[in-house]
Amino acid sequence: MKIDFANLQHQYQLYKNDIDAKIQAVLDKSNYIMGEEITELEQQLSEFTGVKHAITCSNGTGALHKAATSTPPASSPLNH
């Protein structure tokens, strides 16, 4: 028995019009780095996760580097 846990084609088809429109907007502007879409994504991620700030990265290595080299704020329990 095969169980399809990640049917990405099905997920894409559900939101195809929205996804394609967002991609086309980025292509039309040619603003591939730090455009307004990134700001919007980070705002929506922070609201969705309930955190004050969300920071996106271009890849997993960049995310791991950022996490490893970040200093928690002075008030963080990680500093005590």
Foldseek 3Di string as FASTA:
>chain_A
DDDDPCPPVVVCVVCVVVVVVVVVVCVVVVCPPPDVVQVVVFVVVCVVVVHPTGDDDPDDVVVVVCVVPDDDDPPDPVND
